[in-house]
Amino acid sequence: MIPEINYWAVILATLSSAVVGAVWYSPKVFGTRWAKLAGVSMDGETKDAVGPMMLTVIVSFVTAWVLAGATTIAWHFYAGSYLLAAVVTAALMWIGFTAARFITHDAFEGRPAQLTLLNISHEVVTIMAMGIIIGVWPPEGTV
């Protein structure tokens, strides 16, 4: 059974991921530092980024959809504020899945700790933005 999900909130949360990423990895924010730490050239052509960007949209949709479903399950279980359920669920998903996995993989791949910190920080901002959007726009009939 799939829990109640507001797909408009999921779509908006997906788009928020693109906005956070565009700002976070822009050269004026953390883009230049990220490229240096990751060993990535920012001189590539825009067409080279289309595939990864489309994949990111798909993965962001899946993340937002799972977060929305997990939020509804948490809200049904704990009751109370739907927004609080969304924010706490987002934080727990980030800690237990995203941050933990990044740290593990980056340690084995020998990536710089600063790169890991930069990337997991981006992910917490992304998933918290998603959580807030999902939390303030609960599925109809739940709250």
N, C-alpha and C. Protein backbone atom coordinates (compact mmCIF):
# COMPACT_ATOMS: atom_id res chain seq x y z
N MET A 1 0.83 -1.17 0.00
CA MET A 1 0.00 0.00 0.00
C MET A 1 0.89 1.25 0.00
N ILE A 2 0.57 2.19 -0.86
CA ILE A 2 1.31 3.44 -0.92
C ILE A 2 0.57 4.47 -0.06
N PRO A 3 1.29 5.14 0.84
CA PRO A 3 0.64 6.14 1.70
C PRO A 3 0.18 7.35 0.87
N GLU A 4 -0.65 8.18 1.48
CA GLU A 4 -1.13 9.38 0.80
C GLU A 4 0.05 10.29 0.46
N ILE A 5 0.09 10.76 -0.77
CA ILE A 5 1.18 11.62 -1.23
C ILE A 5 0.59 12.77 -2.03
N ASN A 6 1.05 13.97 -1.74
CA ASN A 6 0.69 15.13 -2.54
C ASN A 6 1.73 15.25 -3.65
N TYR A 7 1.34 14.84 -4.85
CA TYR A 7 2.30 14.83 -5.96
C TYR A 7 2.70 16.22 -6.41
N TRP A 8 1.86 17.22 -6.16
CA TRP A 8 2.25 18.60 -6.47
C TRP A 8 3.40 19.01 -5.57
N ALA A 9 3.34 18.63 -4.30
CA ALA A 9 4.44 18.93 -3.37
C ALA A 9 5.70 18.18 -3.78
N VAL A 10 5.54 16.95 -4.24
CA VAL A 10 6.69 16.16 -4.70
C VAL A 10 7.35 16.82 -5.91
N ILE A 11 6.54 17.30 -6.84
CA ILE A 11 7.09 17.98 -8.03
C ILE A 11 7.81 19.26 -7.62
N LEU A 12 7.19 20.04 -6.73
CA LEU A 12 7.84 21.27 -6.26
C LEU A 12 9.13 20.96 -5.49
N ALA A 13 9.10 19.91 -4.68
CA ALA A 13 10.30 19.50 -3.95
C ALA A 13 11.39 19.06 -4.92
N THR A 14 11.01 18.38 -5.98
CA THR A 14 11.97 17.98 -7.02
C THR A 14 12.62 19.21 -7.64
N LEU A 15 11.80 20.18 -7.97
CA LEU A 15 12.33 21.42 -8.57
C LEU A 15 13.22 22.17 -7.59
N SER A 16 12.89 22.10 -6.29
CA SER A 16 13.73 22.78 -5.29
C SER A 16 15.14 22.20 -5.28
N SER A 17 15.24 20.92 -5.56
CA SER A 17 16.55 20.28 -5.63
C SER A 17 17.41 20.90 -6.73
N ALA A 18 16.79 21.18 -7.86
CA ALA A 18 17.51 21.81 -8.97
C ALA A 18 17.95 23.23 -8.60
N VAL A 19 17.09 23.94 -7.90
CA VAL A 19 17.42 25.31 -7.50
C VAL A 19 18.57 25.30 -6.49
N VAL A 20 18.47 24.45 -5.48
CA VAL A 20 19.54 24.36 -4.47
C VAL A 20 20.86 23.98 -5.15
N GLY A 21 20.82 22.99 -6.03
CA GLY A 21 22.03 22.56 -6.72
C GLY A 21 22.63 23.64 -7.59
N ALA A 22 21.77 24.38 -8.31
CA ALA A 22 22.26 25.45 -9.19
C ALA A 22 22.95 26.55 -8.38
N VAL A 23 22.38 26.88 -7.23
CA VAL A 23 22.99 27.91 -6.39
C VAL A 23 24.25 27.36 -5.71
N TRP A 24 24.14 26.19 -5.09
CA TRP A 24 25.23 25.60 -4.31
C TRP A 24 26.49 25.42 -5.16
N TYR A 25 26.32 24.85 -6.35
CA TYR A 25 27.47 24.53 -7.18
C TYR A 25 27.80 25.62 -8.21
N SER A 26 27.22 26.81 -8.04
CA SER A 26 27.60 27.91 -8.93
C SER A 26 29.01 28.37 -8.55
N PRO A 27 29.76 28.89 -9.51
CA PRO A 27 31.13 29.33 -9.21
C PRO A 27 31.22 30.36 -8.09
N LYS A 28 30.19 31.16 -7.91
CA LYS A 28 30.22 32.21 -6.90
C LYS A 28 29.92 31.68 -5.49
N VAL A 29 29.40 30.46 -5.40
CA VAL A 29 29.12 29.90 -4.07
C VAL A 29 30.17 28.82 -3.79
N PHE A 30 29.88 27.54 -4.10
CA PHE A 30 30.84 26.47 -3.81
C PHE A 30 31.33 25.74 -5.05
N GLY A 31 30.89 26.15 -6.22
CA GLY A 31 31.23 25.43 -7.46
C GLY A 31 32.71 25.32 -7.73
N THR A 32 33.42 26.41 -7.60
CA THR A 32 34.85 26.41 -7.88
C THR A 32 35.59 25.52 -6.87
N ARG A 33 35.22 25.64 -5.60
CA ARG A 33 35.85 24.81 -4.56
C ARG A 33 35.54 23.34 -4.78
N TRP A 34 34.27 23.03 -5.09
CA TRP A 34 33.87 21.64 -5.35
C TRP A 34 34.67 21.08 -6.53
N ALA A 35 34.77 21.84 -7.62
CA ALA A 35 35.48 21.36 -8.81
C ALA A 35 36.95 21.06 -8.49
N LYS A 36 37.57 21.93 -7.71
CA LYS A 36 38.97 21.72 -7.33
C LYS A 36 39.11 20.45 -6.49
N LEU A 37 38.26 20.31 -5.47
CA LEU A 37 38.34 19.15 -4.57
C LEU A 37 38.00 17.84 -5.29
N ALA A 38 37.04 17.91 -6.22
CA ALA A 38 36.60 16.71 -6.93
C ALA A 38 37.45 16.41 -8.15
N GLY A 39 38.31 17.35 -8.53
CA GLY A 39 39.13 17.14 -9.72
C GLY A 39 38.31 17.21 -11.00
N VAL A 40 37.31 18.09 -11.00
CA VAL A 40 36.40 18.23 -12.14
C VAL A 40 36.66 19.56 -12.82
N SER A 41 36.68 19.55 -14.13
CA SER A 41 36.85 20.79 -14.88
C SER A 41 35.49 21.43 -15.11
N MET A 42 35.40 22.71 -14.87
CA MET A 42 34.16 23.44 -15.11
C MET A 42 34.17 24.07 -16.50
N ASP A 43 35.14 23.68 -17.32
CA ASP A 43 35.26 24.24 -18.65
C ASP A 43 34.53 23.44 -19.71
N GLY A 44 33.84 22.38 -19.32
CA GLY A 44 33.13 21.54 -20.29
C GLY A 44 32.00 22.28 -20.97
N GLU A 45 31.47 21.66 -22.00
CA GLU A 45 30.35 22.27 -22.71
C GLU A 45 29.04 21.96 -22.00
N THR A 46 28.09 22.85 -22.16
CA THR A 46 26.79 22.70 -21.51
C THR A 46 26.13 21.39 -21.91
N LYS A 47 26.29 20.97 -23.15
CA LYS A 47 25.66 19.73 -23.62
C LYS A 47 26.16 18.51 -22.86
N ASP A 48 27.36 18.59 -22.30
CA ASP A 48 27.91 17.48 -21.52
C ASP A 48 27.19 17.30 -20.18
N ALA A 49 26.51 18.34 -19.73
CA ALA A 49 25.83 18.29 -18.43
C ALA A 49 24.37 17.86 -18.56
N VAL A 50 23.83 17.76 -19.77
CA VAL A 50 22.41 17.45 -19.95
C VAL A 50 22.07 16.07 -19.38
N GLY A 51 22.84 15.06 -19.69
CA GLY A 51 22.56 13.70 -19.19
C GLY A 51 22.59 13.63 -17.66
N PRO A 52 23.67 14.10 -17.04
CA PRO A 52 23.70 14.09 -15.57
C PRO A 52 22.58 14.93 -14.94
N MET A 53 22.22 16.03 -15.58
CA MET A 53 21.14 16.86 -15.02
C MET A 53 19.79 16.15 -15.12
N MET A 54 19.54 15.47 -16.22
CA MET A 54 18.28 14.73 -16.36
C MET A 54 18.23 13.59 -15.34
N LEU A 55 19.34 12.91 -15.16
CA LEU A 55 19.42 11.84 -14.15
C LEU A 55 19.16 12.41 -12.75
N THR A 56 19.71 13.58 -12.49
CA THR A 56 19.51 14.23 -11.19
C THR A 56 18.04 14.57 -10.96
N VAL A 57 17.34 15.02 -11.98
CA VAL A 57 15.91 15.31 -11.85
C VAL A 57 15.14 14.04 -11.50
N ILE A 58 15.45 12.96 -12.18
CA ILE A 58 14.77 11.69 -11.92
C ILE A 58 15.05 11.22 -10.48
N VAL A 59 16.31 11.24 -10.09
CA VAL A 59 16.68 10.79 -8.75
C VAL A 59 16.08 11.72 -7.69
N SER A 60 16.03 13.00 -7.97
CA SER A 60 15.43 13.95 -7.02
C SER A 60 13.94 13.69 -6.87
N PHE A 61 13.27 13.34 -7.98
CA PHE A 61 11.85 12.99 -7.89
C PHE A 61 11.66 11.77 -7.00
N VAL A 62 12.49 10.76 -7.20
CA VAL A 62 12.39 9.54 -6.37
C VAL A 62 12.62 9.89 -4.90
N THR A 63 13.63 10.71 -4.62
CA THR A 63 13.91 11.12 -3.25
C THR A 63 12.71 11.85 -2.64
N ALA A 64 12.15 12.80 -3.38
CA ALA A 64 11.00 13.56 -2.88
C ALA A 64 9.79 12.65 -2.67
N TRP A 65 9.57 11.72 -3.57
CA TRP A 65 8.45 10.78 -3.47
C TRP A 65 8.60 9.88 -2.24
N VAL A 66 9.80 9.35 -2.03
CA VAL A 66 10.04 8.51 -0.86
C VAL A 66 9.90 9.33 0.42
N LEU A 67 10.43 10.54 0.42
CA LEU A 67 10.30 11.41 1.59
C LEU A 67 8.84 11.71 1.88
N ALA A 68 8.06 11.98 0.85
CA ALA A 68 6.63 12.27 1.05
C ALA A 68 5.91 11.06 1.64
N GLY A 69 6.20 9.89 1.12
CA GLY A 69 5.57 8.68 1.64
C GLY A 69 6.00 8.39 3.07
N ALA A 70 7.29 8.51 3.33
CA ALA A 70 7.80 8.26 4.69
C ALA A 70 7.25 9.28 5.67
N THR A 71 7.08 10.51 5.22
CA THR A 71 6.52 11.56 6.08
C THR A 71 5.09 11.21 6.46
N THR A 72 4.29 10.78 5.49
CA THR A 72 2.91 10.42 5.79
C THR A 72 2.85 9.25 6.76
N ILE A 73 3.70 8.26 6.56
CA ILE A 73 3.74 7.11 7.48
C ILE A 73 4.12 7.59 8.88
N ALA A 74 5.15 8.44 8.98
CA ALA A 74 5.58 8.97 10.28
C ALA A 74 4.47 9.79 10.92
N TRP A 75 3.79 10.60 10.13
CA TRP A 75 2.71 11.43 10.67
C TRP A 75 1.56 10.57 11.18
N HIS A 76 1.20 9.53 10.44
CA HIS A 76 0.14 8.62 10.92
C HIS A 76 0.57 7.93 12.21
N PHE A 77 1.84 7.58 12.32
CA PHE A 77 2.32 6.86 13.50
C PHE A 77 2.41 7.76 14.72
N TYR A 78 3.04 8.94 14.54
CA TYR A 78 3.28 9.83 15.68
C TYR A 78 2.20 10.88 15.88
N ALA A 79 1.42 11.17 14.83
CA ALA A 79 0.41 12.24 14.84
C ALA A 79 1.11 13.58 15.00
N GLY A 80 0.41 14.60 15.43
CA GLY A 80 1.01 15.91 15.62
C GLY A 80 1.13 16.68 14.32
N SER A 81 2.18 17.48 14.24
CA SER A 81 2.41 18.38 13.12
C SER A 81 2.94 17.63 11.90
N TYR A 82 2.30 17.84 10.76
CA TYR A 82 2.77 17.22 9.52
C TYR A 82 4.12 17.83 9.11
N LEU A 83 4.27 19.13 9.31
CA LEU A 83 5.53 19.80 8.99
C LEU A 83 6.67 19.22 9.84
N LEU A 84 6.43 19.06 11.13
CA LEU A 84 7.46 18.49 12.00
C LEU A 84 7.80 17.06 11.57
N ALA A 85 6.78 16.29 11.22
CA ALA A 85 7.03 14.92 10.75
C ALA A 85 7.91 14.93 9.49
N ALA A 86 7.65 15.88 8.59
CA ALA A 86 8.43 15.97 7.35
C ALA A 86 9.87 16.37 7.62
N VAL A 87 10.07 17.35 8.48
CA VAL A 87 11.43 17.84 8.77
C VAL A 87 12.24 16.77 9.51
N VAL A 88 11.63 16.14 10.50
CA VAL A 88 12.34 15.09 11.25
C VAL A 88 12.63 13.90 10.34
N THR A 89 11.67 13.51 9.52
CA THR A 89 11.89 12.40 8.58
C THR A 89 13.01 12.74 7.60
N ALA A 90 13.02 13.95 7.08
CA ALA A 90 14.08 14.38 6.17
C ALA A 90 15.45 14.32 6.85
N ALA A 91 15.51 14.82 8.08
CA ALA A 91 16.79 14.82 8.81
C ALA A 91 17.27 13.39 9.06
N LEU A 92 16.36 12.52 9.46
CA LEU A 92 16.74 11.12 9.71
C LEU A 92 17.16 10.41 8.43
N MET A 93 16.47 10.68 7.33
CA MET A 93 16.87 10.08 6.06
C MET A 93 18.25 10.56 5.65
N TRP A 94 18.52 11.85 5.85
CA TRP A 94 19.83 12.39 5.50
C TRP A 94 20.93 11.75 6.35
N ILE A 95 20.71 11.69 7.67
CA ILE A 95 21.72 11.12 8.56
C ILE A 95 21.95 9.64 8.27
N GLY A 96 20.84 8.89 8.19
CA GLY A 96 20.94 7.44 8.09
C GLY A 96 21.27 6.90 6.72
N PHE A 97 20.92 7.64 5.69
CA PHE A 97 21.16 7.13 4.35
C PHE A 97 22.19 7.97 3.60
N THR A 98 21.91 9.23 3.40
CA THR A 98 22.78 10.06 2.56
C THR A 98 24.15 10.30 3.19
N ALA A 99 24.17 10.91 4.37
CA ALA A 99 25.46 11.26 4.99
C ALA A 99 26.28 10.00 5.28
N ALA A 100 25.63 9.00 5.85
CA ALA A 100 26.35 7.77 6.19
C ALA A 100 26.97 7.12 4.95
N ARG A 101 26.24 7.07 3.86
CA ARG A 101 26.74 6.44 2.64
C ARG A 101 27.84 7.28 1.99
N PHE A 102 27.67 8.60 1.95
CA PHE A 102 28.71 9.47 1.39
C PHE A 102 30.01 9.28 2.17
N ILE A 103 29.92 9.33 3.48
CA ILE A 103 31.12 9.21 4.32
C ILE A 103 31.82 7.88 4.07
N THR A 104 31.05 6.80 4.03
CA THR A 104 31.63 5.48 3.80
C THR A 104 32.31 5.38 2.44
N HIS A 105 31.58 5.74 1.38
CA HIS A 105 32.14 5.63 0.03
C HIS A 105 33.34 6.56 -0.15
N ASP A 106 33.22 7.79 0.32
CA ASP A 106 34.32 8.72 0.14
C ASP A 106 35.57 8.29 0.91
N ALA A 107 35.39 7.68 2.07
CA ALA A 107 36.54 7.19 2.83
C ALA A 107 37.26 6.09 2.05
N PHE A 108 36.51 5.14 1.51
CA PHE A 108 37.14 4.05 0.76
C PHE A 108 37.72 4.53 -0.57
N GLU A 109 37.14 5.56 -1.15
CA GLU A 109 37.65 6.08 -2.43
C GLU A 109 38.77 7.10 -2.22
N GLY A 110 39.07 7.42 -0.97
CA GLY A 110 40.17 8.33 -0.68
C GLY A 110 39.86 9.78 -1.04
N ARG A 111 38.60 10.13 -1.07
CA ARG A 111 38.24 11.52 -1.40
C ARG A 111 38.56 12.42 -0.22
N PRO A 112 38.86 13.68 -0.50
CA PRO A 112 39.18 14.61 0.59
C PRO A 112 37.98 14.80 1.52
N ALA A 113 38.25 14.86 2.81
CA ALA A 113 37.19 15.07 3.80
C ALA A 113 36.43 16.37 3.53
N GLN A 114 37.12 17.37 3.02
CA GLN A 114 36.47 18.65 2.70
C GLN A 114 35.43 18.48 1.60
N LEU A 115 35.71 17.61 0.63
CA LEU A 115 34.76 17.34 -0.44
C LEU A 115 33.54 16.61 0.12
N THR A 116 33.78 15.64 0.98
CA THR A 116 32.68 14.92 1.61
C THR A 116 31.80 15.89 2.39
N LEU A 117 32.41 16.74 3.18
CA LEU A 117 31.65 17.72 3.97
C LEU A 117 30.85 18.66 3.06
N LEU A 118 31.46 19.12 1.99
CA LEU A 118 30.77 20.00 1.05
C LEU A 118 29.56 19.30 0.43
N ASN A 119 29.74 18.05 0.01
CA ASN A 119 28.65 17.32 -0.64
C ASN A 119 27.54 16.93 0.34
N ILE A 120 27.88 16.48 1.53
CA ILE A 120 26.81 16.11 2.46
C ILE A 120 26.09 17.35 2.98
N SER A 121 26.78 18.48 3.03
CA SER A 121 26.13 19.73 3.41
C SER A 121 25.11 20.13 2.34
N HIS A 122 25.50 19.98 1.08
CA HIS A 122 24.56 20.24 -0.01
C HIS A 122 23.34 19.35 0.11
N GLU A 123 23.57 18.09 0.43
CA GLU A 123 22.47 17.14 0.53
C GLU A 123 21.54 17.46 1.69
N VAL A 124 22.06 17.92 2.81
CA VAL A 124 21.17 18.26 3.93
C VAL A 124 20.32 19.49 3.58
N VAL A 125 20.90 20.46 2.91
CA VAL A 125 20.12 21.63 2.49
C VAL A 125 19.03 21.20 1.51
N THR A 126 19.40 20.33 0.57
CA THR A 126 18.44 19.85 -0.43
C THR A 126 17.28 19.10 0.21
N ILE A 127 17.58 18.14 1.06
CA ILE A 127 16.51 17.31 1.63
C ILE A 127 15.69 18.09 2.66
N MET A 128 16.29 19.04 3.34
CA MET A 128 15.51 19.86 4.26
C MET A 128 14.57 20.79 3.49
N ALA A 129 15.02 21.32 2.36
CA ALA A 129 14.12 22.13 1.52
C ALA A 129 12.95 21.27 1.04
N MET A 130 13.26 20.05 0.62
CA MET A 130 12.20 19.13 0.21
C MET A 130 11.25 18.86 1.37
N GLY A 131 11.80 18.60 2.55
CA GLY A 131 10.99 18.30 3.72
C GLY A 131 10.06 19.45 4.08
N ILE A 132 10.57 20.67 4.00
CA ILE A 132 9.74 21.83 4.33
C ILE A 132 8.60 21.96 3.32
N ILE A 133 8.91 21.81 2.04
CA ILE A 133 7.87 21.91 1.00
C ILE A 133 6.82 20.83 1.21
N ILE A 134 7.25 19.61 1.41
CA ILE A 134 6.32 18.50 1.62
C ILE A 134 5.53 18.71 2.92
N GLY A 135 6.19 19.22 3.93
CA GLY A 135 5.55 19.42 5.23
C GLY A 135 4.50 20.50 5.25
N VAL A 136 4.70 21.55 4.47
CA VAL A 136 3.71 22.64 4.46
C VAL A 136 2.58 22.37 3.47
N TRP A 137 2.72 21.31 2.67
CA TRP A 137 1.70 20.99 1.68
C TRP A 137 1.34 19.51 1.79
N PRO A 138 0.70 19.13 2.89
CA PRO A 138 0.38 17.71 3.11
C PRO A 138 -0.68 17.21 2.12
N PRO A 139 -0.78 15.89 1.98
CA PRO A 139 -1.79 15.33 1.09
C PRO A 139 -3.19 15.72 1.58
N GLU A 140 -4.07 15.94 0.63
CA GLU A 140 -5.45 16.31 0.96
C GLU A 140 -6.09 15.21 1.80
N GLY A 141 -6.78 15.64 2.84
CA GLY A 141 -7.49 14.71 3.70
C GLY A 141 -6.70 14.13 4.84
N THR A 142 -5.40 14.50 4.95
CA THR A 142 -4.61 13.95 6.04
C THR A 142 -4.54 14.87 7.24
N VAL A 143 -4.50 16.15 7.01
CA VAL A 143 -4.34 17.10 8.11
C VAL A 143 -5.56 17.99 8.19
